[in-house]
């Protein structure tokens, strides 16, 4: 059974580059709703049967998940706080220039540490038996954030065990984040060896 990670579509905060002052964030922009609908249509074409949809609690993820659920006829969306964006403390409500003033996110006052963030999302590095078997056309869809997908890519590609996370350096996954862009509404498939983008096929 494929597991697909989907980054939320464009939000109003993405347009401005300012982290929404409310931690659960801002709504999708009009373009974001179009992006979410396009991603949902793509998913319907490759996995016509969906076992479950799980979403970060943030508004932009929930709205993206609703587009996907409507296209696939899924009535329930499970909310999992584990999938939430990394909490950046005093950077909320500030623009990118403020964040660039710190060499690592760990230095931002009141932010979630790299260790705590990676330990929080670690369960999603594991391939689980969901009790439904391995139906070829059935999928588990997880709607989350670019930083979560990048960090999971890092953990899986490097086969990092949970107990070694405290030994990792600050912002250890950020190089991958900058190298492998995670566009709005992009879709990533989790296999045993990593997480690879399947939609869109090319990023301009």
N, C-alpha and C. Protein backbone atom coordinates (compact mmCIF):
# COMPACT_ATOMS: atom_id res chain seq x y z
N UNK A 1 0.84 -1.20 0.00
CA UNK A 1 0.00 0.00 0.00
C UNK A 1 0.87 1.24 0.00
N UNK A 2 0.71 2.11 -0.98
CA UNK A 2 1.53 3.32 -1.00
C UNK A 2 1.17 4.29 0.12
N UNK A 3 2.19 4.93 0.63
CA UNK A 3 1.99 6.02 1.58
C UNK A 3 2.44 7.30 0.88
N UNK A 4 1.53 8.24 0.74
CA UNK A 4 1.82 9.49 0.05
C UNK A 4 1.83 10.64 1.04
N UNK A 5 2.92 11.40 1.03
CA UNK A 5 2.99 12.65 1.79
C UNK A 5 2.67 13.79 0.84
N UNK A 6 1.81 14.71 1.28
CA UNK A 6 1.42 15.86 0.47
C UNK A 6 1.73 17.13 1.24
N UNK A 7 2.49 18.01 0.61
CA UNK A 7 2.67 19.32 1.24
C UNK A 7 1.41 20.15 1.01
N UNK A 8 1.01 20.91 2.00
CA UNK A 8 -0.16 21.77 1.84
C UNK A 8 0.01 22.71 0.66
N UNK A 9 -1.08 23.15 0.09
CA UNK A 9 -1.05 24.10 -1.01
C UNK A 9 -0.74 25.50 -0.49
N UNK A 10 -0.62 26.45 -1.42
CA UNK A 10 -0.21 27.81 -1.04
C UNK A 10 -1.19 28.46 -0.08
N UNK A 11 -0.65 29.02 0.99
CA UNK A 11 -1.45 29.79 1.95
C UNK A 11 -1.18 31.27 1.76
N UNK A 12 -2.00 32.10 2.41
CA UNK A 12 -1.74 33.54 2.35
C UNK A 12 -0.39 33.87 2.97
N UNK A 13 0.01 33.12 4.00
CA UNK A 13 1.31 33.35 4.63
C UNK A 13 2.44 33.03 3.66
N UNK A 14 2.28 32.01 2.82
CA UNK A 14 3.28 31.71 1.80
C UNK A 14 3.46 32.87 0.84
N UNK A 15 2.37 33.54 0.52
CA UNK A 15 2.42 34.67 -0.41
C UNK A 15 3.27 35.81 0.15
N UNK A 16 3.13 36.07 1.44
CA UNK A 16 3.79 37.22 2.04
C UNK A 16 5.17 36.90 2.61
N UNK A 17 5.44 35.60 2.87
CA UNK A 17 6.70 35.23 3.49
C UNK A 17 6.73 35.48 4.98
N UNK A 18 5.59 35.81 5.57
CA UNK A 18 5.49 36.06 7.01
C UNK A 18 4.85 34.85 7.68
N UNK A 19 5.48 34.35 8.72
CA UNK A 19 4.87 33.26 9.48
C UNK A 19 3.63 33.79 10.17
N UNK A 20 2.51 33.11 9.97
CA UNK A 20 1.26 33.57 10.58
C UNK A 20 1.42 33.69 12.09
N UNK A 21 0.95 34.80 12.69
CA UNK A 21 1.11 34.98 14.13
C UNK A 21 0.37 33.93 14.95
N UNK A 22 -0.71 33.37 14.39
CA UNK A 22 -1.40 32.29 15.07
C UNK A 22 -0.71 30.99 14.68
N UNK A 23 -0.40 30.16 15.67
CA UNK A 23 0.41 28.98 15.39
C UNK A 23 -0.24 28.05 14.37
N UNK A 24 -1.58 27.94 14.39
CA UNK A 24 -2.24 27.05 13.45
C UNK A 24 -2.34 27.65 12.05
N UNK A 25 -1.88 28.89 11.89
CA UNK A 25 -1.62 29.42 10.58
C UNK A 25 -2.79 30.00 9.82
N UNK A 26 -2.53 30.24 8.52
CA UNK A 26 -3.48 30.96 7.69
C UNK A 26 -4.18 30.04 6.70
N UNK A 27 -5.22 30.57 6.07
CA UNK A 27 -6.01 29.84 5.09
C UNK A 27 -5.26 29.71 3.76
N UNK A 28 -5.73 28.79 2.93
CA UNK A 28 -5.22 28.71 1.57
C UNK A 28 -5.61 29.95 0.79
N UNK A 29 -4.72 30.36 -0.11
CA UNK A 29 -5.03 31.45 -1.03
C UNK A 29 -5.90 30.90 -2.16
N UNK A 30 -6.48 31.76 -3.01
CA UNK A 30 -7.23 31.25 -4.17
C UNK A 30 -6.38 30.31 -5.02
N UNK A 31 -5.10 30.68 -5.25
CA UNK A 31 -4.21 29.79 -5.99
C UNK A 31 -4.02 28.48 -5.23
N UNK A 32 -3.93 28.55 -3.90
CA UNK A 32 -3.76 27.35 -3.10
C UNK A 32 -4.92 26.37 -3.27
N UNK A 33 -6.13 26.90 -3.34
CA UNK A 33 -7.28 26.01 -3.55
C UNK A 33 -7.19 25.33 -4.92
N UNK A 34 -6.72 26.07 -5.93
CA UNK A 34 -6.53 25.46 -7.25
C UNK A 34 -5.45 24.39 -7.21
N UNK A 35 -4.35 24.68 -6.51
CA UNK A 35 -3.26 23.71 -6.40
C UNK A 35 -3.74 22.43 -5.69
N UNK A 36 -4.48 22.62 -4.60
CA UNK A 36 -4.97 21.46 -3.84
C UNK A 36 -5.90 20.60 -4.69
N UNK A 37 -6.72 21.26 -5.50
CA UNK A 37 -7.64 20.51 -6.37
C UNK A 37 -6.86 19.75 -7.44
N UNK A 38 -5.81 20.35 -7.97
CA UNK A 38 -4.99 19.66 -8.98
C UNK A 38 -4.28 18.45 -8.38
N UNK A 39 -3.74 18.61 -7.18
CA UNK A 39 -3.07 17.49 -6.51
C UNK A 39 -4.07 16.38 -6.21
N UNK A 40 -5.26 16.77 -5.76
CA UNK A 40 -6.29 15.78 -5.46
C UNK A 40 -6.67 14.99 -6.71
N UNK A 41 -6.79 15.68 -7.84
CA UNK A 41 -7.13 15.00 -9.10
C UNK A 41 -6.02 14.04 -9.51
N UNK A 42 -4.77 14.45 -9.31
CA UNK A 42 -3.64 13.57 -9.63
C UNK A 42 -3.68 12.32 -8.76
N UNK A 43 -3.91 12.50 -7.46
CA UNK A 43 -3.96 11.36 -6.55
C UNK A 43 -5.08 10.41 -6.96
N UNK A 44 -6.23 10.95 -7.30
CA UNK A 44 -7.36 10.11 -7.70
C UNK A 44 -7.00 9.27 -8.93
N UNK A 45 -6.15 9.81 -9.80
CA UNK A 45 -5.76 9.08 -11.00
C UNK A 45 -4.79 7.94 -10.74
N UNK A 46 -3.99 8.04 -9.67
CA UNK A 46 -3.00 6.98 -9.43
C UNK A 46 -3.41 6.03 -8.31
N UNK A 47 -4.24 6.49 -7.39
CA UNK A 47 -4.69 5.63 -6.29
C UNK A 47 -6.20 5.83 -6.09
N UNK A 48 -7.01 5.19 -6.92
CA UNK A 48 -8.45 5.41 -6.86
C UNK A 48 -9.08 4.98 -5.54
N UNK A 49 -8.37 4.18 -4.74
CA UNK A 49 -8.90 3.78 -3.44
C UNK A 49 -8.00 4.31 -2.34
N UNK A 50 -8.60 4.94 -1.35
CA UNK A 50 -7.84 5.52 -0.24
C UNK A 50 -8.31 4.92 1.08
N UNK A 51 -7.37 4.42 1.86
CA UNK A 51 -7.72 3.83 3.14
C UNK A 51 -7.95 4.90 4.19
N UNK A 52 -7.04 5.88 4.25
CA UNK A 52 -7.23 6.93 5.23
C UNK A 52 -6.44 8.17 4.84
N UNK A 53 -6.91 9.32 5.32
CA UNK A 53 -6.23 10.59 5.15
C UNK A 53 -5.93 11.13 6.54
N UNK A 54 -4.67 11.47 6.75
CA UNK A 54 -4.24 12.05 8.03
C UNK A 54 -3.64 13.41 7.75
N UNK A 55 -3.96 14.39 8.60
CA UNK A 55 -3.51 15.76 8.35
C UNK A 55 -2.90 16.38 9.60
N UNK A 56 -1.93 17.24 9.35
CA UNK A 56 -1.48 18.19 10.38
C UNK A 56 -2.68 19.03 10.81
N UNK A 57 -2.67 19.53 12.06
CA UNK A 57 -3.82 20.33 12.52
C UNK A 57 -3.86 21.74 11.94
N UNK A 58 -2.83 22.15 11.22
CA UNK A 58 -2.79 23.51 10.72
C UNK A 58 -3.83 23.72 9.62
N UNK A 59 -4.40 24.91 9.59
CA UNK A 59 -5.53 25.20 8.70
C UNK A 59 -5.18 24.90 7.25
N UNK A 60 -4.01 25.31 6.80
CA UNK A 60 -3.63 25.13 5.40
C UNK A 60 -3.56 23.64 5.02
N UNK A 61 -3.15 22.81 5.97
CA UNK A 61 -3.13 21.36 5.71
C UNK A 61 -4.53 20.78 5.71
N UNK A 62 -5.34 21.21 6.67
CA UNK A 62 -6.71 20.71 6.74
C UNK A 62 -7.48 21.05 5.47
N UNK A 63 -7.32 22.25 4.97
CA UNK A 63 -8.04 22.64 3.76
C UNK A 63 -7.55 21.86 2.54
N UNK A 64 -6.25 21.60 2.49
CA UNK A 64 -5.70 20.76 1.41
C UNK A 64 -6.26 19.35 1.50
N UNK A 65 -6.29 18.82 2.72
CA UNK A 65 -6.82 17.47 2.93
C UNK A 65 -8.29 17.38 2.56
N UNK A 66 -9.04 18.44 2.78
CA UNK A 66 -10.47 18.43 2.42
C UNK A 66 -10.68 18.31 0.92
N UNK A 67 -9.82 18.96 0.14
CA UNK A 67 -9.90 18.80 -1.31
C UNK A 67 -9.65 17.34 -1.71
N UNK A 68 -8.64 16.74 -1.10
CA UNK A 68 -8.29 15.35 -1.43
C UNK A 68 -9.42 14.41 -1.01
N UNK A 69 -9.94 14.62 0.19
CA UNK A 69 -11.02 13.76 0.69
C UNK A 69 -12.25 13.85 -0.21
N UNK A 70 -12.60 15.05 -0.65
CA UNK A 70 -13.77 15.22 -1.51
C UNK A 70 -13.59 14.49 -2.84
N UNK A 71 -12.37 14.53 -3.39
CA UNK A 71 -12.11 13.88 -4.66
C UNK A 71 -12.13 12.36 -4.55
N UNK A 72 -11.74 11.84 -3.39
CA UNK A 72 -11.64 10.39 -3.22
C UNK A 72 -12.85 9.80 -2.50
N UNK A 73 -13.78 10.64 -2.07
CA UNK A 73 -14.96 10.15 -1.38
C UNK A 73 -14.67 9.66 0.03
N UNK A 74 -13.66 10.23 0.65
CA UNK A 74 -13.31 9.87 2.03
C UNK A 74 -14.04 10.82 2.98
N UNK A 75 -14.77 10.27 3.92
CA UNK A 75 -15.61 11.10 4.79
C UNK A 75 -14.86 11.65 6.00
N UNK A 76 -13.84 10.94 6.46
CA UNK A 76 -13.18 11.33 7.70
C UNK A 76 -11.71 11.67 7.45
N UNK A 77 -11.25 12.76 8.06
CA UNK A 77 -9.84 13.14 8.04
C UNK A 77 -9.32 13.06 9.48
N UNK A 78 -8.31 12.25 9.68
CA UNK A 78 -7.72 12.13 11.02
C UNK A 78 -6.73 13.26 11.23
N UNK A 79 -6.78 13.89 12.40
CA UNK A 79 -5.85 14.97 12.74
C UNK A 79 -4.77 14.40 13.64
N UNK A 80 -3.52 14.66 13.30
CA UNK A 80 -2.39 14.18 14.10
C UNK A 80 -1.44 15.34 14.38
N UNK A 81 -1.36 15.75 15.65
CA UNK A 81 -0.48 16.85 16.04
C UNK A 81 0.98 16.55 15.72
N UNK A 82 1.33 15.28 15.64
CA UNK A 82 2.70 14.89 15.32
C UNK A 82 3.17 15.49 14.00
N UNK A 83 2.24 15.72 13.09
CA UNK A 83 2.57 16.21 11.75
C UNK A 83 2.65 17.72 11.66
N UNK A 84 2.46 18.41 12.78
CA UNK A 84 2.48 19.88 12.78
C UNK A 84 3.82 20.46 12.40
N UNK A 85 3.79 21.69 11.93
CA UNK A 85 5.01 22.40 11.54
C UNK A 85 5.92 22.57 12.75
N UNK A 86 7.21 22.67 12.49
CA UNK A 86 8.16 22.92 13.58
C UNK A 86 7.85 24.29 14.19
N UNK A 87 7.72 24.33 15.51
CA UNK A 87 7.36 25.57 16.20
C UNK A 87 8.58 26.48 16.27
N UNK A 88 8.46 27.68 15.72
CA UNK A 88 9.60 28.59 15.65
C UNK A 88 9.49 29.77 16.61
N UNK A 89 8.73 29.62 17.66
CA UNK A 89 8.75 30.57 18.78
C UNK A 89 8.58 32.02 18.38
N UNK A 90 9.59 32.82 18.68
CA UNK A 90 9.51 34.27 18.46
C UNK A 90 9.48 34.66 16.99
N UNK A 91 9.69 33.70 16.07
CA UNK A 91 9.63 34.02 14.64
C UNK A 91 8.20 34.12 14.13
N UNK A 92 7.22 33.65 14.91
CA UNK A 92 5.83 33.76 14.46
C UNK A 92 5.46 35.22 14.28
N UNK A 93 4.82 35.51 13.17
CA UNK A 93 4.43 36.88 12.87
C UNK A 93 5.55 37.72 12.27
N UNK A 94 6.71 37.12 12.04
CA UNK A 94 7.86 37.85 11.48
C UNK A 94 8.15 37.35 10.07
N UNK A 95 8.89 38.16 9.30
CA UNK A 95 9.20 37.78 7.93
C UNK A 95 10.48 36.95 7.86
N UNK A 96 10.84 36.56 6.63
CA UNK A 96 12.01 35.70 6.44
C UNK A 96 13.30 36.38 6.91
N UNK A 97 13.38 37.70 6.79
CA UNK A 97 14.59 38.41 7.20
C UNK A 97 14.89 38.17 8.68
N UNK A 98 13.86 38.09 9.49
CA UNK A 98 14.07 37.81 10.92
C UNK A 98 14.69 36.43 11.10
N UNK A 99 14.15 35.43 10.40
CA UNK A 99 14.69 34.08 10.53
C UNK A 99 16.11 33.99 10.02
N UNK A 100 16.42 34.74 8.97
CA UNK A 100 17.78 34.70 8.43
C UNK A 100 18.79 35.34 9.38
N UNK A 101 18.31 36.04 10.36
CA UNK A 101 19.20 36.63 11.35
C UNK A 101 19.80 35.62 12.31
N UNK A 102 19.34 34.38 12.24
CA UNK A 102 19.85 33.32 13.10
C UNK A 102 20.48 32.24 12.22
N UNK A 103 21.63 31.73 12.62
CA UNK A 103 22.31 30.72 11.81
C UNK A 103 21.60 29.38 11.84
N UNK A 104 20.87 29.08 12.91
CA UNK A 104 20.07 27.86 12.99
C UNK A 104 18.73 28.19 13.62
N UNK A 105 17.73 27.36 13.33
CA UNK A 105 16.42 27.55 13.95
C UNK A 105 16.50 27.32 15.45
N UNK A 106 17.45 26.51 15.89
CA UNK A 106 17.58 26.25 17.33
C UNK A 106 17.89 27.53 18.10
N UNK A 107 18.47 28.53 17.43
CA UNK A 107 18.84 29.77 18.11
C UNK A 107 17.66 30.73 18.26
N UNK A 108 16.59 30.53 17.51
CA UNK A 108 15.43 31.42 17.61
C UNK A 108 14.81 31.26 18.99
N UNK A 109 14.62 32.34 19.72
CA UNK A 109 14.08 32.23 21.07
C UNK A 109 12.75 31.48 21.11
N UNK A 110 12.63 30.58 22.05
CA UNK A 110 11.39 29.82 22.32
C UNK A 110 11.00 28.87 21.20
N UNK A 111 11.94 28.51 20.32
CA UNK A 111 11.61 27.60 19.23
C UNK A 111 11.77 26.15 19.66
N UNK A 112 11.13 25.26 18.91
CA UNK A 112 11.26 23.83 19.14
C UNK A 112 12.65 23.39 18.67
N UNK A 113 13.35 22.62 19.47
CA UNK A 113 14.70 22.20 19.12
C UNK A 113 14.68 21.17 18.00
N UNK A 114 15.80 21.06 17.30
CA UNK A 114 15.93 20.04 16.27
C UNK A 114 15.67 18.66 16.84
N UNK A 115 16.24 18.38 18.00
CA UNK A 115 16.06 17.07 18.63
C UNK A 115 14.59 16.78 18.89
N UNK A 116 13.89 17.73 19.51
CA UNK A 116 12.48 17.50 19.84
C UNK A 116 11.63 17.34 18.59
N UNK A 117 11.94 18.13 17.55
CA UNK A 117 11.18 18.06 16.31
C UNK A 117 11.36 16.70 15.63
N UNK A 118 12.60 16.24 15.52
CA UNK A 118 12.86 14.97 14.85
C UNK A 118 12.30 13.78 15.64
N UNK A 119 12.39 13.86 16.96
CA UNK A 119 11.80 12.79 17.76
C UNK A 119 10.28 12.75 17.63
N UNK A 120 9.69 13.92 17.47
CA UNK A 120 8.23 14.00 17.32
C UNK A 120 7.75 13.33 16.04
N UNK A 121 8.44 13.59 14.93
CA UNK A 121 7.97 13.07 13.64
C UNK A 121 8.51 11.67 13.32
N UNK A 122 9.43 11.17 14.12
CA UNK A 122 10.11 9.91 13.83
C UNK A 122 9.16 8.75 13.51
N UNK A 123 8.02 8.61 14.21
CA UNK A 123 7.14 7.47 13.89
C UNK A 123 6.75 7.37 12.42
N UNK A 124 6.76 8.49 11.70
CA UNK A 124 6.38 8.45 10.29
C UNK A 124 7.51 7.99 9.38
N UNK A 125 8.68 7.67 9.95
CA UNK A 125 9.74 7.04 9.16
C UNK A 125 9.50 5.54 9.04
N UNK A 126 8.62 5.00 9.85
CA UNK A 126 8.42 3.56 9.94
C UNK A 126 7.27 3.12 9.05
N UNK A 127 7.48 2.05 8.32
CA UNK A 127 6.41 1.47 7.52
C UNK A 127 5.65 0.50 8.40
N UNK A 128 4.35 0.73 8.54
CA UNK A 128 3.55 -0.05 9.48
C UNK A 128 2.56 -0.95 8.75
N UNK A 129 2.23 -2.05 9.40
CA UNK A 129 1.14 -2.88 8.92
C UNK A 129 -0.17 -2.25 9.40
N UNK A 130 -0.95 -1.74 8.46
CA UNK A 130 -2.16 -1.01 8.83
C UNK A 130 -3.38 -1.92 9.00
N UNK A 131 -3.17 -3.23 8.84
CA UNK A 131 -4.28 -4.15 9.02
C UNK A 131 -5.15 -4.33 7.78
N UNK A 132 -4.83 -3.58 6.71
CA UNK A 132 -5.62 -3.68 5.49
C UNK A 132 -4.90 -4.51 4.42
N UNK A 133 -3.72 -5.01 4.74
CA UNK A 133 -2.93 -5.71 3.73
C UNK A 133 -2.23 -4.72 2.82
N UNK A 134 -1.73 -5.17 1.72
CA UNK A 134 -0.95 -4.33 0.81
C UNK A 134 -1.67 -4.18 -0.53
N UNK A 135 -2.90 -3.69 -0.52
CA UNK A 135 -3.66 -3.50 -1.75
C UNK A 135 -2.91 -2.53 -2.67
N UNK A 136 -2.75 -2.93 -3.94
CA UNK A 136 -1.94 -2.13 -4.85
C UNK A 136 -2.52 -0.76 -5.10
N UNK A 137 -3.85 -0.63 -5.09
CA UNK A 137 -4.48 0.63 -5.46
C UNK A 137 -4.97 1.45 -4.27
N UNK A 138 -4.71 0.98 -3.07
CA UNK A 138 -5.17 1.70 -1.88
C UNK A 138 -4.01 2.48 -1.28
N UNK A 139 -4.27 3.68 -0.82
CA UNK A 139 -3.20 4.53 -0.33
C UNK A 139 -3.53 5.13 1.03
N UNK A 140 -2.47 5.39 1.76
CA UNK A 140 -2.55 6.23 2.96
C UNK A 140 -1.99 7.59 2.58
N UNK A 141 -2.76 8.64 2.82
CA UNK A 141 -2.36 9.99 2.41
C UNK A 141 -2.16 10.84 3.65
N UNK A 142 -1.00 11.50 3.70
CA UNK A 142 -0.61 12.29 4.87
C UNK A 142 -0.32 13.71 4.41
N UNK A 143 -1.07 14.68 4.92
CA UNK A 143 -0.90 16.07 4.52
C UNK A 143 -0.15 16.81 5.61
N UNK A 144 0.98 17.41 5.24
CA UNK A 144 1.83 18.02 6.24
C UNK A 144 2.60 19.20 5.64
N UNK A 145 3.81 19.46 6.12
CA UNK A 145 4.55 20.68 5.81
C UNK A 145 5.89 20.36 5.14
N UNK A 146 6.46 21.35 4.47
CA UNK A 146 7.72 21.13 3.76
C UNK A 146 8.83 20.70 4.71
N UNK A 147 8.92 21.34 5.88
CA UNK A 147 9.96 20.99 6.83
C UNK A 147 9.83 19.57 7.35
N UNK A 148 8.59 19.11 7.53
CA UNK A 148 8.36 17.74 8.00
C UNK A 148 8.80 16.75 6.92
N UNK A 149 8.41 17.00 5.68
CA UNK A 149 8.79 16.10 4.59
C UNK A 149 10.31 16.07 4.43
N UNK A 150 10.96 17.23 4.46
CA UNK A 150 12.42 17.28 4.34
C UNK A 150 13.11 16.53 5.46
N UNK A 151 12.62 16.71 6.68
CA UNK A 151 13.23 16.03 7.81
C UNK A 151 13.03 14.52 7.73
N UNK A 152 11.86 14.08 7.29
CA UNK A 152 11.63 12.65 7.12
C UNK A 152 12.53 12.08 6.04
N UNK A 153 12.71 12.83 4.95
CA UNK A 153 13.65 12.40 3.90
C UNK A 153 15.03 12.17 4.50
N UNK A 154 15.47 13.10 5.31
CA UNK A 154 16.81 13.01 5.92
C UNK A 154 16.91 11.78 6.83
N UNK A 155 15.93 11.59 7.68
CA UNK A 155 15.97 10.48 8.63
C UNK A 155 15.95 9.13 7.92
N UNK A 156 15.11 9.02 6.89
CA UNK A 156 14.98 7.74 6.18
C UNK A 156 16.21 7.46 5.33
N UNK A 157 16.67 8.46 4.57
CA UNK A 157 17.82 8.26 3.69
C UNK A 157 19.08 7.89 4.47
N UNK A 158 19.23 8.47 5.65
CA UNK A 158 20.41 8.21 6.47
C UNK A 158 20.20 7.11 7.50
N UNK A 159 19.00 6.50 7.47
CA UNK A 159 18.68 5.39 8.37
C UNK A 159 19.03 5.74 9.83
N UNK A 160 18.59 6.89 10.25
CA UNK A 160 18.90 7.36 11.60
C UNK A 160 18.01 6.65 12.61
N UNK A 161 18.59 5.91 13.56
CA UNK A 161 17.76 5.30 14.61
C UNK A 161 17.32 6.35 15.63
N UNK A 162 16.19 6.09 16.27
CA UNK A 162 15.62 7.06 17.20
C UNK A 162 16.62 7.47 18.27
N UNK A 163 17.37 6.50 18.79
CA UNK A 163 18.26 6.79 19.91
C UNK A 163 19.45 7.67 19.53
N UNK A 164 19.73 7.82 18.22
CA UNK A 164 20.84 8.67 17.79
C UNK A 164 20.42 10.11 17.48
N UNK A 165 19.13 10.38 17.51
CA UNK A 165 18.67 11.74 17.19
C UNK A 165 19.30 12.79 18.09
N UNK A 166 19.44 12.57 19.41
CA UNK A 166 20.06 13.61 20.25
C UNK A 166 21.50 13.93 19.87
N UNK A 167 22.16 13.06 19.11
CA UNK A 167 23.56 13.29 18.73
C UNK A 167 23.69 14.05 17.42
N UNK A 168 22.59 14.29 16.73
CA UNK A 168 22.64 15.01 15.47
C UNK A 168 22.89 16.50 15.71
N UNK A 169 23.48 17.15 14.71
CA UNK A 169 23.76 18.57 14.84
C UNK A 169 22.52 19.43 14.69
N UNK A 170 22.64 20.69 15.07
CA UNK A 170 21.54 21.62 14.92
C UNK A 170 21.14 21.71 13.44
N UNK A 171 19.84 21.71 13.20
CA UNK A 171 19.31 21.87 11.85
C UNK A 171 19.99 20.93 10.85
N UNK A 172 20.25 19.69 11.28
CA UNK A 172 21.01 18.74 10.46
C UNK A 172 20.35 18.47 9.11
N UNK A 173 19.04 18.59 9.05
CA UNK A 173 18.33 18.27 7.81
C UNK A 173 18.17 19.47 6.89
N UNK A 174 18.63 20.64 7.30
CA UNK A 174 18.37 21.86 6.54
C UNK A 174 19.09 21.88 5.19
N UNK A 175 20.26 21.22 5.11
CA UNK A 175 20.95 21.16 3.82
C UNK A 175 20.09 20.43 2.80
N UNK A 176 19.47 19.32 3.22
CA UNK A 176 18.55 18.62 2.33
C UNK A 176 17.35 19.48 1.99
N UNK A 177 16.87 20.24 2.97
CA UNK A 177 15.72 21.12 2.76
C UNK A 177 16.02 22.12 1.65
N UNK A 178 17.24 22.67 1.65
CA UNK A 178 17.61 23.67 0.65
C UNK A 178 17.92 23.03 -0.70
N UNK A 179 18.40 21.78 -0.68
CA UNK A 179 18.77 21.10 -1.93
C UNK A 179 17.55 20.52 -2.62
N UNK A 180 16.67 19.89 -1.86
CA UNK A 180 15.50 19.23 -2.43
C UNK A 180 14.25 20.03 -2.05
N UNK A 181 13.85 20.92 -2.94
CA UNK A 181 12.72 21.78 -2.66
C UNK A 181 11.44 20.96 -2.54
N UNK A 182 10.56 21.41 -1.67
CA UNK A 182 9.26 20.76 -1.48
C UNK A 182 8.19 21.78 -1.87
N UNK A 183 7.77 21.81 -3.13
CA UNK A 183 6.83 22.84 -3.58
C UNK A 183 5.47 22.69 -2.91
N UNK A 184 4.72 23.78 -2.90
CA UNK A 184 3.35 23.72 -2.42
C UNK A 184 2.57 22.67 -3.20
N UNK A 185 1.78 21.87 -2.48
CA UNK A 185 0.89 20.87 -3.06
C UNK A 185 1.63 19.73 -3.77
N UNK A 186 2.93 19.60 -3.54
CA UNK A 186 3.66 18.49 -4.14
C UNK A 186 3.34 17.19 -3.40
N UNK A 187 3.53 16.07 -4.11
CA UNK A 187 3.19 14.74 -3.58
C UNK A 187 4.45 13.89 -3.56
N UNK A 188 4.68 13.22 -2.45
CA UNK A 188 5.91 12.43 -2.24
C UNK A 188 5.52 11.03 -1.80
N UNK A 189 6.14 10.03 -2.43
CA UNK A 189 5.84 8.64 -2.08
C UNK A 189 6.92 8.08 -1.17
N UNK A 190 6.47 7.43 -0.10
CA UNK A 190 7.38 6.81 0.87
C UNK A 190 7.59 5.35 0.50
N UNK A 191 8.84 5.03 0.17
CA UNK A 191 9.21 3.63 -0.05
C UNK A 191 10.20 3.25 1.06
N UNK A 192 10.67 2.03 1.03
CA UNK A 192 11.59 1.60 2.07
C UNK A 192 12.89 2.37 2.08
N UNK A 193 13.30 2.93 0.93
CA UNK A 193 14.59 3.59 0.83
C UNK A 193 14.53 5.10 0.95
N UNK A 194 13.35 5.67 0.92
CA UNK A 194 13.29 7.12 0.99
C UNK A 194 11.92 7.66 0.66
N UNK A 195 11.88 8.99 0.45
CA UNK A 195 10.67 9.69 0.06
C UNK A 195 10.98 10.45 -1.21
N UNK A 196 10.29 10.13 -2.30
CA UNK A 196 10.59 10.73 -3.59
C UNK A 196 9.36 11.44 -4.15
N UNK A 197 9.62 12.60 -4.77
CA UNK A 197 8.52 13.39 -5.31
C UNK A 197 7.97 12.75 -6.57
N UNK A 198 6.65 12.59 -6.62
CA UNK A 198 5.99 12.02 -7.81
C UNK A 198 5.13 13.06 -8.52
N UNK A 199 4.83 14.18 -7.86
CA UNK A 199 4.03 15.24 -8.49
C UNK A 199 4.37 16.59 -7.84
N UNK A 200 4.63 17.63 -8.62
CA UNK A 200 4.80 17.60 -10.07
C UNK A 200 6.11 16.90 -10.45
N UNK A 201 6.21 16.45 -11.70
CA UNK A 201 7.40 15.71 -12.10
C UNK A 201 8.61 16.62 -12.19
N UNK A 202 8.39 17.87 -12.56
CA UNK A 202 9.49 18.82 -12.67
C UNK A 202 9.10 20.11 -11.95
N UNK A 203 10.10 20.74 -11.36
CA UNK A 203 9.88 22.00 -10.65
C UNK A 203 10.60 23.10 -11.39
N UNK A 204 9.88 24.13 -11.78
CA UNK A 204 10.50 25.23 -12.52
C UNK A 204 11.45 26.00 -11.63
